[in-house]
């Protein structure tokens, strides 16, 4: 059975995105995106050429992470 292939990009959508690699299966692509984002923080997204849509994204920039941590302490 052939799994759909998903493309992983780094950067802002429509601005400065850079294609990184293609990964078969959405769960594999999400795991790979998380691994890439952990190694090099930034904006990442997964694109499905089959549906012509972005199916997942991650923002691991330091400024975003600090903001989320501050909000978590307030709550």
Foldseek 3Di string as FASTA:
>chain_A
DFAAKKWKWFDDPPPDIDTDDIDGDPVVVVVVNVVVCVVPFGKMWIAGPVVRDTDDIDHRDPVVVVVVVVVVVVD
